[in-house]
């Protein structure tokens, strides 16, 4: 579907030339707030799979959303991961320390005609959309407005830095999505197929904050780190399709294997958040809850045990298997919270 374009970043070029000696995964928290039980569920499972299968584990702090990064949260995040019993083989690294890497990737995409600047507002895009994709109860639904192809510019810049919008805080850059489905097999959720052109249209890869979007940043970072195993929540299933588009447009032949996990939701069916009470790991630890009690609840949710009981992180690692992990999302109940605080 996409031509194999040369990648200018030497880190990624070297990666394409030789495979990493061992499979590699990453723990990638965002320092925009304290880690809660939903975050812990995904990180502990990722860690357990890595240690069980001998994957190299890197810690990457995804701090590009600078307007939401809170002072001291990076250190707090690391302390919370350590309190849970997790460790890693390399890192921590931060995304904000290497913006030129993303700029190289953008120039590669621009030279191949895959991206273009767009000054349209969300309201303008909504007005032109053939079908708006707004909030839905479906955990896997895309909650973004479809970008109508009629809104594309008549001329595409040949280089990222040739366009005035490259450093313009009022301009996004979008990826030109080709028609057709992107298919992949998720190791937990099974065969997946997404027609991003129909569902979403051209998506943002460079933001008005003059930084890469999540979709581009994660591809560039994972490729540079040699990540072969991506483990995360199932709300990012459609992101895998977008990211595979970017891998191919950048000419990166080593694509990761995806494992998407069930989300933790409140009793109202909505994703776990402040509205469901204080589920921060730090809050539980400060109130005297042991890490083995938190791990035990994660084990109960993972169907390792049939009832809630304390569990060490090493026991979780030994007993965890994707075979018993539900594919449906998991509900955090008042009984779960009471057991943690008892």
C-alpha atoms as a PDB file:
ATOM      1  CA  UNK A   1       0.000   0.000   0.000  1.00  0.00           C
ATOM      2  CA  UNK A   2       2.788   2.443   0.892  1.00  0.00           C
ATOM      3  CA  UNK A   3       6.143   2.805  -0.843  1.00  0.00           C
ATOM      4  CA  UNK A   4       9.177   1.862   1.229  1.00  0.00           C
ATOM      5  CA  UNK A   5      10.735   5.240   1.969  1.00  0.00           C
ATOM      6  CA  UNK A   6      14.275   5.691   3.294  1.00  0.00           C
ATOM      7  CA  UNK A   7      14.324   6.742   6.934  1.00  0.00           C
ATOM      8  CA  UNK A   8      16.755   9.558   7.688  1.00  0.00           C
ATOM      9  CA  UNK A   9      17.194   8.778  11.375  1.00  0.00           C
ATOM     10  CA  UNK A  10      20.372   6.648  11.632  1.00  0.00           C
ATOM     11  CA  UNK A  11      19.053   4.987  14.783  1.00  0.00           C
ATOM     12  CA  UNK A  12      16.108   3.561  12.871  1.00  0.00           C
ATOM     13  CA  UNK A  13      18.260   2.723   9.843  1.00  0.00           C
ATOM     14  CA  UNK A  14      20.566   0.673  12.052  1.00  0.00           C
ATOM     15  CA  UNK A  15      17.571  -1.058  13.570  1.00  0.00           C
ATOM     16  CA  UNK A  16      16.331  -2.162  10.159  1.00  0.00           C
ATOM     17  CA  UNK A  17      19.728  -3.594   9.319  1.00  0.00           C
ATOM     18  CA  UNK A  18      19.926  -6.000  12.251  1.00  0.00           C
ATOM     19  CA  UNK A  19      17.389  -7.610  14.554  1.00  0.00           C
ATOM     20  CA  UNK A  20      17.737  -7.190  18.323  1.00  0.00           C
ATOM     21  CA  UNK A  21      19.308 -10.175  20.114  1.00  0.00           C
ATOM     22  CA  UNK A  22      16.222 -10.734  22.272  1.00  0.00           C
ATOM     23  CA  UNK A  23      12.552  -9.755  22.055  1.00  0.00           C
ATOM     24  CA  UNK A  24      11.966  -6.334  23.600  1.00  0.00           C
ATOM     25  CA  UNK A  25       9.030  -4.641  25.282  1.00  0.00           C
ATOM     26  CA  UNK A  26       8.509  -1.354  27.071  1.00  0.00           C
ATOM     27  CA  UNK A  27       6.725   0.052  30.078  1.00  0.00           C
ATOM     28  CA  UNK A  28       5.573   3.470  28.899  1.00  0.00           C
ATOM     29  CA  UNK A  29       3.759   5.507  31.574  1.00  0.00           C
ATOM     30  CA  UNK A  30       2.687   9.082  30.944  1.00  0.00           C
ATOM     31  CA  UNK A  31       3.512  11.524  33.791  1.00  0.00           C
ATOM     32  CA  UNK A  32       0.185  13.353  33.647  1.00  0.00           C
ATOM     33  CA  UNK A  33      -1.081  11.988  36.960  1.00  0.00           C
ATOM     34  CA  UNK A  34      -0.685   9.254  39.550  1.00  0.00           C
ATOM     35  CA  UNK A  35      -0.869   5.637  38.415  1.00  0.00           C
ATOM     36  CA  UNK A  36      -4.164   3.952  39.322  1.00  0.00           C
ATOM     37  CA  UNK A  37      -5.355   0.351  39.418  1.00  0.00           C
ATOM     38  CA  UNK A  38      -6.069   0.294  35.675  1.00  0.00           C
ATOM     39  CA  UNK A  39      -2.501   1.372  34.918  1.00  0.00           C
ATOM     40  CA  UNK A  40      -1.135  -1.186  37.383  1.00  0.00           C
ATOM     41  CA  UNK A  41      -3.134  -3.964  35.726  1.00  0.00           C
ATOM     42  CA  UNK A  42      -1.549  -3.285  32.311  1.00  0.00           C
ATOM     43  CA  UNK A  43       1.991  -2.693  33.602  1.00  0.00           C
ATOM     44  CA  UNK A  44       2.072  -5.753  35.862  1.00  0.00           C
ATOM     45  CA  UNK A  45       0.821  -8.020  33.056  1.00  0.00           C
ATOM     46  CA  UNK A  46       3.351  -6.514  30.636  1.00  0.00           C
ATOM     47  CA  UNK A  47       6.139  -7.082  33.150  1.00  0.00           C
ATOM     48  CA  UNK A  48       4.995 -10.648  33.919  1.00  0.00           C
ATOM     49  CA  UNK A  49       4.947 -11.589  30.236  1.00  0.00           C
ATOM     50  CA  UNK A  50       8.387 -10.061  29.754  1.00  0.00           C
ATOM     51  CA  UNK A  51       9.959 -11.898  32.678  1.00  0.00           C
ATOM     52  CA  UNK A  52       8.195 -15.152  31.813  1.00  0.00           C
ATOM     53  CA  UNK A  53       9.395 -15.111  28.196  1.00  0.00           C
ATOM     54  CA  UNK A  54      12.791 -13.454  28.628  1.00  0.00           C
ATOM     55  CA  UNK A  55      12.009 -10.164  26.917  1.00  0.00           C
ATOM     56  CA  UNK A  56      14.265  -7.146  27.423  1.00  0.00           C
ATOM     57  CA  UNK A  57      12.189  -4.501  29.239  1.00  0.00           C
ATOM     58  CA  UNK A  58      12.743  -0.774  28.734  1.00  0.00           C
ATOM     59  CA  UNK A  59      11.171   2.008  30.796  1.00  0.00           C
ATOM     60  CA  UNK A  60      10.096   4.988  28.686  1.00  0.00           C
ATOM     61  CA  UNK A  61       8.404   8.075  30.121  1.00  0.00           C
ATOM     62  CA  UNK A  62       5.969   9.484  27.542  1.00  0.00           C
ATOM     63  CA  UNK A  63       6.233  13.171  28.433  1.00  0.00           C
ATOM     64  CA  UNK A  64       5.485  14.920  25.129  1.00  0.00           C
ATOM     65  CA  UNK A  65       2.137  16.272  26.317  1.00  0.00           C
ATOM     66  CA  UNK A  66       3.993  18.976  28.240  1.00  0.00           C
ATOM     67  CA  UNK A  67       0.870  20.981  29.104  1.00  0.00           C
ATOM     68  CA  UNK A  68      -0.366  18.049  31.220  1.00  0.00           C
ATOM     69  CA  UNK A  69       2.947  16.866  32.708  1.00  0.00           C
ATOM     70  CA  UNK A  70       2.949  17.602  36.418  1.00  0.00           C
ATOM     71  CA  UNK A  71       6.012  18.442  38.475  1.00  0.00           C
ATOM     72  CA  UNK A  72       7.380  15.491  40.412  1.00  0.00           C
ATOM     73  CA  UNK A  73       5.117  12.921  38.735  1.00  0.00           C
ATOM     74  CA  UNK A  74       7.958  11.191  36.865  1.00  0.00           C
ATOM     75  CA  UNK A  75       9.753  10.354  40.111  1.00  0.00           C
ATOM     76  CA  UNK A  76       6.452   9.396  41.708  1.00  0.00           C
ATOM     77  CA  UNK A  77       5.631   7.094  38.770  1.00  0.00           C
ATOM     78  CA  UNK A  78       8.960   5.298  39.067  1.00  0.00           C
ATOM     79  CA  UNK A  79       8.489   4.871  42.818  1.00  0.00           C
ATOM     80  CA  UNK A  80       5.021   3.401  42.247  1.00  0.00           C
ATOM     81  CA  UNK A  81       6.285   0.896  39.687  1.00  0.00           C
ATOM     82  CA  UNK A  82       9.031  -0.138  42.103  1.00  0.00           C
ATOM     83  CA  UNK A  83       6.513  -0.414  44.966  1.00  0.00           C
ATOM     84  CA  UNK A  84       4.498  -2.850  42.846  1.00  0.00           C
ATOM     85  CA  UNK A  85       7.660  -4.953  42.493  1.00  0.00           C
ATOM     86  CA  UNK A  86       8.450  -4.160  38.864  1.00  0.00           C
ATOM     87  CA  UNK A  87      11.931  -3.692  37.428  1.00  0.00           C
ATOM     88  CA  UNK A  88      13.367  -3.045  33.976  1.00  0.00           C
ATOM     89  CA  UNK A  89      16.542  -3.657  32.007  1.00  0.00           C
ATOM     90  CA  UNK A  90      17.095  -0.189  30.526  1.00  0.00           C
ATOM     91  CA  UNK A  91      15.877   3.338  31.105  1.00  0.00           C
ATOM     92  CA  UNK A  92      14.186   5.400  32.164  1.00  0.00           C
ATOM     93  CA  UNK A  93      14.277   7.533  29.010  1.00  0.00           C
ATOM     94  CA  UNK A  94      12.027  10.458  28.133  1.00  0.00           C
ATOM     95  CA  UNK A  95      10.519  11.361  24.773  1.00  0.00           C
ATOM     96  CA  UNK A  96      11.061  15.099  25.167  1.00  0.00           C
ATOM     97  CA  UNK A  97      14.829  14.670  25.064  1.00  0.00           C
ATOM     98  CA  UNK A  98      15.032  13.765  21.368  1.00  0.00           C
ATOM     99  CA  UNK A  99      12.653  15.886  19.264  1.00  0.00           C
ATOM    100  CA  UNK A 100      15.012  15.814  16.202  1.00  0.00           C
ATOM    101  CA  UNK A 101      14.325  12.073  15.825  1.00  0.00           C
ATOM    102  CA  UNK A 102      10.632  12.801  15.220  1.00  0.00           C
ATOM    103  CA  UNK A 103      11.467  15.663  12.872  1.00  0.00           C
ATOM    104  CA  UNK A 104      13.590  13.281  10.773  1.00  0.00           C
ATOM    105  CA  UNK A 105      10.667  10.877  10.563  1.00  0.00           C
ATOM    106  CA  UNK A 106       8.312  13.688   9.537  1.00  0.00           C
ATOM    107  CA  UNK A 107      10.670  14.801   6.777  1.00  0.00           C
ATOM    108  CA  UNK A 108      10.782  11.221   5.484  1.00  0.00           C
ATOM    109  CA  UNK A 109       6.985  11.098   5.401  1.00  0.00           C
ATOM    110  CA  UNK A 110       6.795  14.511   3.709  1.00  0.00           C
ATOM    111  CA  UNK A 111       9.307  13.606   0.993  1.00  0.00           C
ATOM    112  CA  UNK A 112       7.190  10.559   0.146  1.00  0.00           C
ATOM    113  CA  UNK A 113       3.974  12.623   0.070  1.00  0.00           C
ATOM    114  CA  UNK A 114       2.398  10.951   3.090  1.00  0.00           C
ATOM    115  CA  UNK A 115       1.758  14.058   5.239  1.00  0.00           C
ATOM    116  CA  UNK A 116       0.506  17.602   4.835  1.00  0.00           C
ATOM    117  CA  UNK A 117      -0.175  20.665   7.026  1.00  0.00           C
ATOM    118  CA  UNK A 118      -3.768  21.382   8.063  1.00  0.00           C
ATOM    119  CA  UNK A 119      -5.017  24.542   9.768  1.00  0.00           C
ATOM    120  CA  UNK A 120      -8.660  23.477  10.051  1.00  0.00           C
ATOM    121  CA  UNK A 121     -10.287  23.550  13.468  1.00  0.00           C
ATOM    122  CA  UNK A 122     -12.207  20.659  14.989  1.00  0.00           C
ATOM    123  CA  UNK A 123     -15.465  22.519  14.373  1.00  0.00           C
ATOM    124  CA  UNK A 124     -14.677  22.957  10.694  1.00  0.00           C
ATOM    125  CA  UNK A 125     -13.810  19.267  10.379  1.00  0.00           C
ATOM    126  CA  UNK A 126     -17.028  18.264  12.185  1.00  0.00           C
ATOM    127  CA  UNK A 127     -19.092  20.398   9.834  1.00  0.00           C
ATOM    128  CA  UNK A 128     -17.517  18.727   6.797  1.00  0.00           C
ATOM    129  CA  UNK A 129     -17.541  15.186   8.175  1.00  0.00           C
ATOM    130  CA  UNK A 130     -19.743  12.685   6.376  1.00  0.00           C
ATOM    131  CA  UNK A 131     -20.344  10.874   9.676  1.00  0.00           C
ATOM    132  CA  UNK A 132     -19.102  12.111  13.072  1.00  0.00           C
ATOM    133  CA  UNK A 133     -17.538   9.485  15.343  1.00  0.00           C
ATOM    134  CA  UNK A 134     -18.297  10.706  18.824  1.00  0.00           C
ATOM    135  CA  UNK A 135     -18.473   9.089  22.254  1.00  0.00           C
ATOM    136  CA  UNK A 136     -19.689   5.501  22.413  1.00  0.00           C
ATOM    137  CA  UNK A 137     -20.142   2.845  25.062  1.00  0.00           C
ATOM    138  CA  UNK A 138     -18.082   0.458  22.932  1.00  0.00           C
ATOM    139  CA  UNK A 139     -14.611   0.075  24.452  1.00  0.00           C
ATOM    140  CA  UNK A 140     -13.083  -0.278  21.006  1.00  0.00           C
ATOM    141  CA  UNK A 141     -14.873   2.601  19.269  1.00  0.00           C
ATOM    142  CA  UNK A 142     -12.902   5.443  17.752  1.00  0.00           C
ATOM    143  CA  UNK A 143     -13.887   8.636  19.569  1.00  0.00           C
ATOM    144  CA  UNK A 144     -12.643  11.067  16.947  1.00  0.00           C
ATOM    145  CA  UNK A 145     -14.239  13.014  14.149  1.00  0.00           C
ATOM    146  CA  UNK A 146     -13.638  11.554  10.702  1.00  0.00           C
ATOM    147  CA  UNK A 147     -11.519  13.784   8.472  1.00  0.00           C
ATOM    148  CA  UNK A 148     -13.270  14.084   5.119  1.00  0.00           C
ATOM    149  CA  UNK A 149     -10.824  13.501   2.211  1.00  0.00           C
ATOM    150  CA  UNK A 150     -12.363  16.520   0.439  1.00  0.00           C
ATOM    151  CA  UNK A 151     -10.573  18.695   2.993  1.00  0.00           C
ATOM    152  CA  UNK A 152      -7.117  17.691   1.785  1.00  0.00           C
ATOM    153  CA  UNK A 153      -4.995  20.475   0.235  1.00  0.00           C
ATOM    154  CA  UNK A 154      -4.438  20.614  -3.504  1.00  0.00           C
ATOM    155  CA  UNK A 155      -0.659  20.766  -3.066  1.00  0.00           C
ATOM    156  CA  UNK A 156       1.483  18.655  -0.727  1.00  0.00           C
ATOM    157  CA  UNK A 157       4.854  20.036   0.509  1.00  0.00           C
ATOM    158  CA  UNK A 158       7.859  17.954  -0.502  1.00  0.00           C
ATOM    159  CA  UNK A 159       9.640  18.372   2.836  1.00  0.00           C
ATOM    160  CA  UNK A 160       8.548  18.874   6.405  1.00  0.00           C
ATOM    161  CA  UNK A 161      10.595  22.038   6.890  1.00  0.00           C
ATOM    162  CA  UNK A 162       9.553  23.504   3.533  1.00  0.00           C
ATOM    163  CA  UNK A 163       6.078  24.278   4.799  1.00  0.00           C
ATOM    164  CA  UNK A 164       5.318  27.255   7.006  1.00  0.00           C
ATOM    165  CA  UNK A 165       3.274  24.995   9.269  1.00  0.00           C
ATOM    166  CA  UNK A 166       6.272  22.988  10.446  1.00  0.00           C
ATOM    167  CA  UNK A 167       6.838  25.357  13.369  1.00  0.00           C
ATOM    168  CA  UNK A 168       3.406  26.971  13.407  1.00  0.00           C
ATOM    169  CA  UNK A 169       1.541  26.525  16.686  1.00  0.00           C
ATOM    170  CA  UNK A 170      -1.731  26.859  14.742  1.00  0.00           C
ATOM    171  CA  UNK A 171      -1.105  23.999  12.340  1.00  0.00           C
ATOM    172  CA  UNK A 172      -1.445  20.242  12.592  1.00  0.00           C
ATOM    173  CA  UNK A 173       0.087  17.810  10.129  1.00  0.00           C
ATOM    174  CA  UNK A 174      -2.024  14.886   8.966  1.00  0.00           C
ATOM    175  CA  UNK A 175      -1.155  11.495   7.513  1.00  0.00           C
ATOM    176  CA  UNK A 176      -2.727  10.805   4.110  1.00  0.00           C
ATOM    177  CA  UNK A 177      -4.660   7.561   4.700  1.00  0.00           C
ATOM    178  CA  UNK A 178      -5.108   5.195   1.768  1.00  0.00           C
ATOM    179  CA  UNK A 179      -8.356   3.196   1.370  1.00  0.00           C
ATOM    180  CA  UNK A 180      -8.427  -0.390   2.544  1.00  0.00           C
ATOM    181  CA  UNK A 181      -8.204  -2.374   5.749  1.00  0.00           C
ATOM    182  CA  UNK A 182      -5.174  -2.878   7.937  1.00  0.00           C
ATOM    183  CA  UNK A 183      -5.191  -6.388   9.381  1.00  0.00           C
ATOM    184  CA  UNK A 184      -3.128  -7.898  12.176  1.00  0.00           C
ATOM    185  CA  UNK A 185      -3.390 -10.711  14.699  1.00  0.00           C
ATOM    186  CA  UNK A 186      -3.427  -9.684  18.335  1.00  0.00           C
ATOM    187  CA  UNK A 187      -2.038 -12.366  20.656  1.00  0.00           C
ATOM    188  CA  UNK A 188      -4.975 -11.904  23.045  1.00  0.00           C
ATOM    189  CA  UNK A 189      -7.812 -10.278  21.103  1.00  0.00           C
ATOM    190  CA  UNK A 190      -7.354 -12.362  17.936  1.00  0.00           C
ATOM    191  CA  UNK A 191      -7.661 -11.252  14.303  1.00  0.00           C
ATOM    192  CA  UNK A 192      -8.248  -7.524  13.865  1.00  0.00           C
ATOM    193  CA  UNK A 193      -9.173  -5.435  10.841  1.00  0.00           C
ATOM    194  CA  UNK A 194      -9.580  -1.654  10.680  1.00  0.00           C
ATOM    195  CA  UNK A 195     -10.421   0.481   7.659  1.00  0.00           C
ATOM    196  CA  UNK A 196      -8.979   3.731   8.995  1.00  0.00           C
ATOM    197  CA  UNK A 197      -9.982   5.622   5.842  1.00  0.00           C
ATOM    198  CA  UNK A 198     -13.648   4.853   6.524  1.00  0.00           C
ATOM    199  CA  UNK A 199     -13.501   5.098  10.317  1.00  0.00           C
ATOM    200  CA  UNK A 200     -11.265   8.097  10.822  1.00  0.00           C
ATOM    201  CA  UNK A 201      -9.685   9.437   7.657  1.00  0.00           C
ATOM    202  CA  UNK A 202      -6.427  11.368   7.713  1.00  0.00           C
ATOM    203  CA  UNK A 203      -5.132  11.485  11.295  1.00  0.00           C
ATOM    204  CA  UNK A 204      -2.813  13.935  13.038  1.00  0.00           C
ATOM    205  CA  UNK A 205       0.888  13.041  13.253  1.00  0.00           C
ATOM    206  CA  UNK A 206       2.292  16.467  14.195  1.00  0.00           C
ATOM    207  CA  UNK A 207       0.393  18.693  16.583  1.00  0.00           C
ATOM    208  CA  UNK A 208      -0.235  22.385  17.067  1.00  0.00           C
ATOM    209  CA  UNK A 209       2.141  22.193  20.038  1.00  0.00           C
ATOM    210  CA  UNK A 210       4.879  21.595  17.401  1.00  0.00           C
ATOM    211  CA  UNK A 211       5.474  18.097  18.777  1.00  0.00           C
ATOM    212  CA  UNK A 212       4.674  14.661  17.337  1.00  0.00           C
ATOM    213  CA  UNK A 213       1.329  13.091  18.076  1.00  0.00           C
ATOM    214  CA  UNK A 214       1.121   9.912  20.106  1.00  0.00           C
ATOM    215  CA  UNK A 215       0.716   7.835  16.936  1.00  0.00           C
ATOM    216  CA  UNK A 216       3.986   9.005  15.367  1.00  0.00           C
ATOM    217  CA  UNK A 217       5.986   9.242  18.584  1.00  0.00           C
ATOM    218  CA  UNK A 218       5.265   5.675  19.670  1.00  0.00           C
ATOM    219  CA  UNK A 219       6.285   4.281  16.268  1.00  0.00           C
ATOM    220  CA  UNK A 220       9.554   6.213  16.169  1.00  0.00           C
ATOM    221  CA  UNK A 221      10.365   5.407  19.799  1.00  0.00           C
ATOM    222  CA  UNK A 222       9.511   1.714  19.533  1.00  0.00           C
ATOM    223  CA  UNK A 223      11.480   1.316  16.313  1.00  0.00           C
ATOM    224  CA  UNK A 224      14.531   3.086  17.734  1.00  0.00           C
ATOM    225  CA  UNK A 225      14.416   0.910  20.869  1.00  0.00           C
ATOM    226  CA  UNK A 226      13.919  -2.309  18.906  1.00  0.00           C
ATOM    227  CA  UNK A 227      10.573  -3.005  20.540  1.00  0.00           C
ATOM    228  CA  UNK A 228       9.079  -6.253  19.259  1.00  0.00           C
ATOM    229  CA  UNK A 229       6.299  -6.732  21.833  1.00  0.00           C
ATOM    230  CA  UNK A 230       3.678  -4.052  22.566  1.00  0.00           C
ATOM    231  CA  UNK A 231       1.388  -4.805  25.523  1.00  0.00           C
ATOM    232  CA  UNK A 232      -1.312  -2.242  26.408  1.00  0.00           C
ATOM    233  CA  UNK A 233      -5.060  -1.643  26.872  1.00  0.00           C
ATOM    234  CA  UNK A 234      -7.610  -2.560  24.231  1.00  0.00           C
ATOM    235  CA  UNK A 235      -8.672   1.072  23.831  1.00  0.00           C
ATOM    236  CA  UNK A 236      -5.606   1.333  21.572  1.00  0.00           C
ATOM    237  CA  UNK A 237      -6.585  -1.455  19.168  1.00  0.00           C
ATOM    238  CA  UNK A 238      -7.367   0.981  16.359  1.00  0.00           C
ATOM    239  CA  UNK A 239      -4.108   2.808  17.139  1.00  0.00           C
ATOM    240  CA  UNK A 240      -2.237  -0.367  16.200  1.00  0.00           C
ATOM    241  CA  UNK A 241      -3.686  -0.093  12.690  1.00  0.00           C
ATOM    242  CA  UNK A 242      -2.620   3.549  12.416  1.00  0.00           C
ATOM    243  CA  UNK A 243       0.826   2.753  13.753  1.00  0.00           C
ATOM    244  CA  UNK A 244       1.288  -0.101  11.274  1.00  0.00           C
ATOM    245  CA  UNK A 245       0.500   2.389   8.504  1.00  0.00           C
ATOM    246  CA  UNK A 246       3.290   4.607   9.798  1.00  0.00           C
ATOM    247  CA  UNK A 247       5.757   1.719  10.120  1.00  0.00           C
ATOM    248  CA  UNK A 248       5.195   0.886   6.462  1.00  0.00           C
ATOM    249  CA  UNK A 249       5.263   4.481   5.247  1.00  0.00           C
ATOM    250  CA  UNK A 250       8.597   4.985   7.050  1.00  0.00           C
ATOM    251  CA  UNK A 251      10.009   1.797   5.533  1.00  0.00           C
ATOM    252  CA  UNK A 252      10.517   0.116   8.922  1.00  0.00           C
ATOM    253  CA  UNK A 253      10.250  -3.604   8.257  1.00  0.00           C
ATOM    254  CA  UNK A 254      10.400  -4.812  11.866  1.00  0.00           C
ATOM    255  CA  UNK A 255       6.804  -4.465  13.056  1.00  0.00           C
ATOM    256  CA  UNK A 256       5.880  -5.355  16.646  1.00  0.00           C
ATOM    257  CA  UNK A 257       3.575  -8.065  17.888  1.00  0.00           C
ATOM    258  CA  UNK A 258       0.552  -6.607  19.685  1.00  0.00           C
ATOM    259  CA  UNK A 259      -1.127  -7.820  22.872  1.00  0.00           C
ATOM    260  CA  UNK A 260      -4.137  -5.736  23.885  1.00  0.00           C
ATOM    261  CA  UNK A 261      -5.560  -6.233  27.364  1.00  0.00           C
ATOM    262  CA  UNK A 262      -9.036  -5.675  28.821  1.00  0.00           C
ATOM    263  CA  UNK A 263      -9.631  -2.291  30.422  1.00  0.00           C
ATOM    264  CA  UNK A 264     -10.636  -1.766  34.034  1.00  0.00           C
ATOM    265  CA  UNK A 265     -13.992   0.009  34.247  1.00  0.00           C
ATOM    266  CA  UNK A 266     -16.217   1.362  36.982  1.00  0.00           C
ATOM    267  CA  UNK A 267     -19.641  -0.076  37.764  1.00  0.00           C
ATOM    268  CA  UNK A 268     -21.115   2.556  35.414  1.00  0.00           C
ATOM    269  CA  UNK A 269     -19.246   0.944  32.505  1.00  0.00           C
ATOM    270  CA  UNK A 270     -16.942   3.901  31.995  1.00  0.00           C
ATOM    271  CA  UNK A 271     -13.163   3.641  32.026  1.00  0.00           C
ATOM    272  CA  UNK A 272     -11.688   3.823  35.531  1.00  0.00           C
ATOM    273  CA  UNK A 273     -11.119   7.465  36.518  1.00  0.00           C
ATOM    274  CA  UNK A 274     -11.525   9.958  39.370  1.00  0.00           C
ATOM    275  CA  UNK A 275     -15.301   9.678  39.067  1.00  0.00           C
ATOM    276  CA  UNK A 276     -15.010   6.178  40.549  1.00  0.00           C
ATOM    277  CA  UNK A 277     -13.215   7.322  43.691  1.00  0.00           C
ATOM    278  CA  UNK A 278      -9.559   7.366  44.646  1.00  0.00           C
ATOM    279  CA  UNK A 279      -8.000   4.317  42.944  1.00  0.00           C
ATOM    280  CA  UNK A 280      -4.453   5.663  42.891  1.00  0.00           C
ATOM    281  CA  UNK A 281      -1.809   3.097  43.842  1.00  0.00           C
ATOM    282  CA  UNK A 282      -0.122   5.757  45.989  1.00  0.00           C
ATOM    283  CA  UNK A 283      -3.352   6.279  47.914  1.00  0.00           C
ATOM    284  CA  UNK A 284      -3.641   2.588  48.719  1.00  0.00           C
ATOM    285  CA  UNK A 285       0.008   2.294  49.769  1.00  0.00           C
ATOM    286  CA  UNK A 286      -0.249   5.411  51.967  1.00  0.00           C
ATOM    287  CA  UNK A 287      -3.301   3.973  53.699  1.00  0.00           C
ATOM    288  CA  UNK A 288      -1.400   0.807  54.629  1.00  0.00           C
ATOM    289  CA  UNK A 289      -2.462  -1.513  51.810  1.00  0.00           C
ATOM    290  CA  UNK A 290       0.350  -3.936  50.967  1.00  0.00           C
ATOM    291  CA  UNK A 291       1.616  -4.395  47.450  1.00  0.00           C
ATOM    292  CA  UNK A 292       0.720  -8.097  47.751  1.00  0.00           C
ATOM    293  CA  UNK A 293      -2.900  -7.128  48.286  1.00  0.00           C
ATOM    294  CA  UNK A 294      -2.900  -4.976  45.125  1.00  0.00           C
ATOM    295  CA  UNK A 295      -1.168  -7.728  43.148  1.00  0.00           C
ATOM    296  CA  UNK A 296      -3.680 -10.203  44.560  1.00  0.00           C
ATOM    297  CA  UNK A 297      -6.589  -8.161  43.185  1.00  0.00           C
ATOM    298  CA  UNK A 298      -4.875  -8.048  39.778  1.00  0.00           C
ATOM    299  CA  UNK A 299      -4.481 -11.821  39.977  1.00  0.00           C
ATOM    300  CA  UNK A 300      -8.188 -12.187  40.788  1.00  0.00           C
ATOM    301  CA  UNK A 301      -9.097 -10.012  37.793  1.00  0.00           C
ATOM    302  CA  UNK A 302      -6.736 -12.104  35.619  1.00  0.00           C
ATOM    303  CA  UNK A 303      -8.497 -15.326  36.718  1.00  0.00           C
ATOM    304  CA  UNK A 304      -5.314 -16.632  38.348  1.00  0.00           C
ATOM    305  CA  UNK A 305      -7.411 -17.116  41.495  1.00  0.00           C
ATOM    306  CA  UNK A 306     -11.136 -17.560  42.031  1.00  0.00           C
ATOM    307  CA  UNK A 307     -11.203 -15.262  45.049  1.00  0.00           C
ATOM    308  CA  UNK A 308      -9.267 -12.239  46.230  1.00  0.00           C
ATOM    309  CA  UNK A 309      -6.130 -13.187  48.160  1.00  0.00           C
ATOM    310  CA  UNK A 310      -2.709 -11.564  48.677  1.00  0.00           C
ATOM    311  CA  UNK A 311      -0.101 -12.553  46.095  1.00  0.00           C
ATOM    312  CA  UNK A 312       3.559 -11.712  45.553  1.00  0.00           C
ATOM    313  CA  UNK A 313       4.702 -10.265  42.241  1.00  0.00           C
ATOM    314  CA  UNK A 314       6.812 -13.384  41.634  1.00  0.00           C
ATOM    315  CA  UNK A 315       3.801 -15.641  42.159  1.00  0.00           C
ATOM    316  CA  UNK A 316       1.806 -13.486  39.742  1.00  0.00           C
ATOM    317  CA  UNK A 317       4.596 -13.835  37.186  1.00  0.00           C
ATOM    318  CA  UNK A 318       4.710 -17.598  37.590  1.00  0.00           C
ATOM    319  CA  UNK A 319       0.958 -18.186  37.429  1.00  0.00           C
ATOM    320  CA  UNK A 320      -0.171 -15.573  34.903  1.00  0.00           C
ATOM    321  CA  UNK A 321      -1.254 -16.751  31.448  1.00  0.00           C
ATOM    322  CA  UNK A 322      -3.124 -15.063  28.629  1.00  0.00           C
ATOM    323  CA  UNK A 323      -5.160 -18.266  28.291  1.00  0.00           C
ATOM    324  CA  UNK A 324      -7.255 -17.423  31.361  1.00  0.00           C
ATOM    325  CA  UNK A 325      -7.240 -13.622  31.009  1.00  0.00           C
ATOM    326  CA  UNK A 326     -10.704 -12.357  29.992  1.00  0.00           C
ATOM    327  CA  UNK A 327     -11.120 -10.553  26.682  1.00  0.00           C
ATOM    328  CA  UNK A 328     -14.078  -8.582  28.041  1.00  0.00           C
ATOM    329  CA  UNK A 329     -13.375  -5.515  30.139  1.00  0.00           C
ATOM    330  CA  UNK A 330     -13.232  -5.915  33.918  1.00  0.00           C
ATOM    331  CA  UNK A 331     -15.401  -4.053  36.436  1.00  0.00           C
ATOM    332  CA  UNK A 332     -13.850  -2.516  39.556  1.00  0.00           C
ATOM    333  CA  UNK A 333     -16.467  -2.975  42.266  1.00  0.00           C
ATOM    334  CA  UNK A 334     -16.980  -1.450  45.723  1.00  0.00           C
ATOM    335  CA  UNK A 335     -16.134  -4.916  47.050  1.00  0.00           C
ATOM    336  CA  UNK A 336     -12.728  -4.719  45.353  1.00  0.00           C
ATOM    337  CA  UNK A 337     -12.022  -1.373  46.988  1.00  0.00           C
ATOM    338  CA  UNK A 338     -13.210  -2.567  50.402  1.00  0.00           C
ATOM    339  CA  UNK A 339     -10.999  -5.650  50.192  1.00  0.00           C
ATOM    340  CA  UNK A 340      -7.939  -3.547  49.335  1.00  0.00           C
ATOM    341  CA  UNK A 341      -8.577  -1.249  52.309  1.00  0.00           C
ATOM    342  CA  UNK A 342      -9.487  -3.978  54.799  1.00  0.00           C
END
